[in-house]
C-alpha atoms as a PDB file:
ATOM      1  CA  MET A   1     160.560 101.008  47.928  1.00  0.00           C
ATOM      2  CA  GLU A   2     159.453 102.511  51.217  1.00  0.00           C
ATOM      3  CA  SER A   3     155.758 103.080  51.698  1.00  0.00           C
ATOM      4  CA  TYR A   4     153.218 103.540  54.449  1.00  0.00           C
ATOM      5  CA  TYR A   5     150.289 101.408  55.551  1.00  0.00           C
ATOM      6  CA  LEU A   6     147.329 103.254  57.047  1.00  0.00           C
ATOM      7  CA  THR A   7     145.492 100.571  59.022  1.00  0.00           C
ATOM      8  CA  CYS A   8     141.710 100.654  59.148  1.00  0.00           C
ATOM      9  CA  ARG A   9     139.083  99.236  61.489  1.00  0.00           C
ATOM     10  CA  SER A  10     137.148  97.471  58.717  1.00  0.00           C
ATOM     11  CA  LEU A  11     137.184  96.767  55.001  1.00  0.00           C
ATOM     12  CA  THR A  12     134.396  99.311  54.507  1.00  0.00           C
ATOM     13  CA  TYR A  13     136.441 101.976  56.304  1.00  0.00           C
ATOM     14  CA  ALA A  14     139.486 101.100  54.166  1.00  0.00           C
ATOM     15  CA  GLN A  15     137.330 101.556  51.069  1.00  0.00           C
ATOM     16  CA  ARG A  16     136.197 104.998  52.285  1.00  0.00           C
ATOM     17  CA  VAL A  17     139.802 106.008  52.986  1.00  0.00           C
ATOM     18  CA  SER A  18     140.845 104.783  49.539  1.00  0.00           C
ATOM     19  CA  GLN A  19     138.012 106.691  47.840  1.00  0.00           C
ATOM     20  CA  ALA A  20     138.913 109.921  49.661  1.00  0.00           C
ATOM     21  CA  LEU A  21     142.562 109.591  48.655  1.00  0.00           C
ATOM     22  CA  THR A  22     141.720 108.695  45.062  1.00  0.00           C
ATOM     23  CA  GLY A  23     139.390 111.691  44.871  1.00  0.00           C
ATOM     24  CA  ALA A  24     142.325 113.898  45.898  1.00  0.00           C
ATOM     25  CA  GLY A  25     144.552 112.364  43.224  1.00  0.00           C
ATOM     26  CA  ILE A  26     146.594 110.235  45.638  1.00  0.00           C
ATOM     27  CA  ARG A  27     147.432 106.772  44.348  1.00  0.00           C
ATOM     28  CA  ASN A  28     146.737 104.059  46.900  1.00  0.00           C
ATOM     29  CA  MET A  29     145.921 100.395  47.255  1.00  0.00           C
ATOM     30  CA  ILE A  30     143.816  98.471  49.765  1.00  0.00           C
ATOM     31  CA  THR A  31     145.722  95.490  51.105  1.00  0.00           C
ATOM     32  CA  ARG A  32     145.680  92.923  53.898  1.00  0.00           C
ATOM     33  CA  VAL A  33     148.241  93.385  56.650  1.00  0.00           C
ATOM     34  CA  SER A  34     149.856  91.016  59.096  1.00  0.00           C
ATOM     35  CA  PRO A  35     148.200  90.343  62.460  1.00  0.00           C
ATOM     36  CA  THR A  36     151.150  92.163  64.059  1.00  0.00           C
ATOM     37  CA  MET A  37     150.033  95.382  62.410  1.00  0.00           C
ATOM     38  CA  SER A  38     146.310  95.011  62.932  1.00  0.00           C
ATOM     39  CA  ARG A  39     146.246  93.565  66.491  1.00  0.00           C
ATOM     40  CA  GLU A  40     142.585  94.476  66.560  1.00  0.00           C
ATOM     41  CA  GLY A  41     140.191  94.991  63.726  1.00  0.00           C
ATOM     42  CA  CYS A  42     139.947  93.452  60.309  1.00  0.00           C
ATOM     43  CA  GLY A  43     143.532  93.459  59.087  1.00  0.00           C
ATOM     44  CA  TYR A  44     143.034  95.835  56.146  1.00  0.00           C
ATOM     45  CA  ALA A  45     145.122  98.883  55.346  1.00  0.00           C
ATOM     46  CA  VAL A  46     145.569 101.434  52.606  1.00  0.00           C
ATOM     47  CA  ARG A  47     149.083 101.568  51.187  1.00  0.00           C
ATOM     48  CA  ILE A  48     150.542 104.845  49.931  1.00  0.00           C
ATOM     49  CA  SER A  49     153.991 105.972  48.847  1.00  0.00           C
ATOM     50  CA  THR A  50     156.290 107.778  51.249  1.00  0.00           C
ATOM     51  CA  ALA A  51     156.187 110.995  49.231  1.00  0.00           C
ATOM     52  CA  LEU A  52     152.413 111.265  49.638  1.00  0.00           C
ATOM     53  CA  LEU A  53     152.070 110.683  53.399  1.00  0.00           C
ATOM     54  CA  SER A  54     151.696 114.261  54.586  1.00  0.00           C
ATOM     55  CA  ARG A  55     149.267 115.158  51.807  1.00  0.00           C
ATOM     56  CA  ALA A  56     147.252 111.987  52.462  1.00  0.00           C
ATOM     57  CA  MET A  57     147.014 112.711  56.180  1.00  0.00           C
ATOM     58  CA  GLY A  58     145.686 116.194  55.398  1.00  0.00           C
ATOM     59  CA  VAL A  59     143.041 114.771  53.062  1.00  0.00           C
ATOM     60  CA  LEU A  60     141.969 112.196  55.643  1.00  0.00           C
ATOM     61  CA  ALA A  61     141.811 114.768  58.435  1.00  0.00           C
ATOM     62  CA  SER A  62     139.562 116.958  56.286  1.00  0.00           C
ATOM     63  CA  ALA A  63     137.343 113.969  55.504  1.00  0.00           C
ATOM     64  CA  ALA A  64     137.197 112.865  59.178  1.00  0.00           C
ATOM     65  CA  LEU A  65     138.727 109.488  58.242  1.00  0.00           C
ATOM     66  CA  PRO A  66     141.771 109.073  60.490  1.00  0.00           C
ATOM     67  CA  PRO A  67     143.716 105.815  60.183  1.00  0.00           C
ATOM     68  CA  LYS A  68     143.822 103.526  63.198  1.00  0.00           C
ATOM     69  CA  ARG A  69     147.630 103.210  63.076  1.00  0.00           C
ATOM     70  CA  VAL A  70     150.359 104.168  60.589  1.00  0.00           C
ATOM     71  CA  PHE A  71     153.296 101.927  59.691  1.00  0.00           C
ATOM     72  CA  ARG A  72     156.389 102.677  57.648  1.00  0.00           C
ATOM     73  CA  VAL A  73     157.291  99.689  55.501  1.00  0.00           C
ATOM     74  CA  MET A  74     160.956  99.546  54.582  1.00  0.00           C
ATOM     75  CA  ALA A  75     162.513  98.207  51.387  1.00  0.00           C
ATOM     76  CA  GLY A  76     163.837  95.114  53.184  1.00  0.00           C
ATOM     77  CA  GLY A  77     160.354  94.100  54.286  1.00  0.00           C
ATOM     78  CA  GLY A  78     160.448  95.258  57.901  1.00  0.00           C
ATOM     79  CA  PHE A  79     157.991  97.766  59.337  1.00  0.00           C
ATOM     80  CA  GLU A  80     157.622 100.122  62.273  1.00  0.00           C
ATOM     81  CA  GLU A  81     154.751 102.109  63.688  1.00  0.00           C
ATOM     82  CA  VAL A  82     155.111 105.863  63.336  1.00  0.00           C
ATOM     83  CA  ARG A  83     153.267 108.812  64.797  1.00  0.00           C
ATOM     84  CA  VAL A  84     152.064 111.403  62.317  1.00  0.00           C
END
């Protein structure tokens, strides 16, 4: 299943992002990501389903909680950075 990882600068920031999404009814999960995705920062991200990306980005923009980077994770396990 394709999904998106919204990388965060710290675990605390990931928790804030998760709380904002949960409050808007968007299912999500805080997870560790590979060093390739995080390059800098703590290596935490919030994972959401593909269908919820645009809604989630709107919620986070309203809450002033932009993700550091956004990655699309494909069914086969690969990933690529995307601009949203």
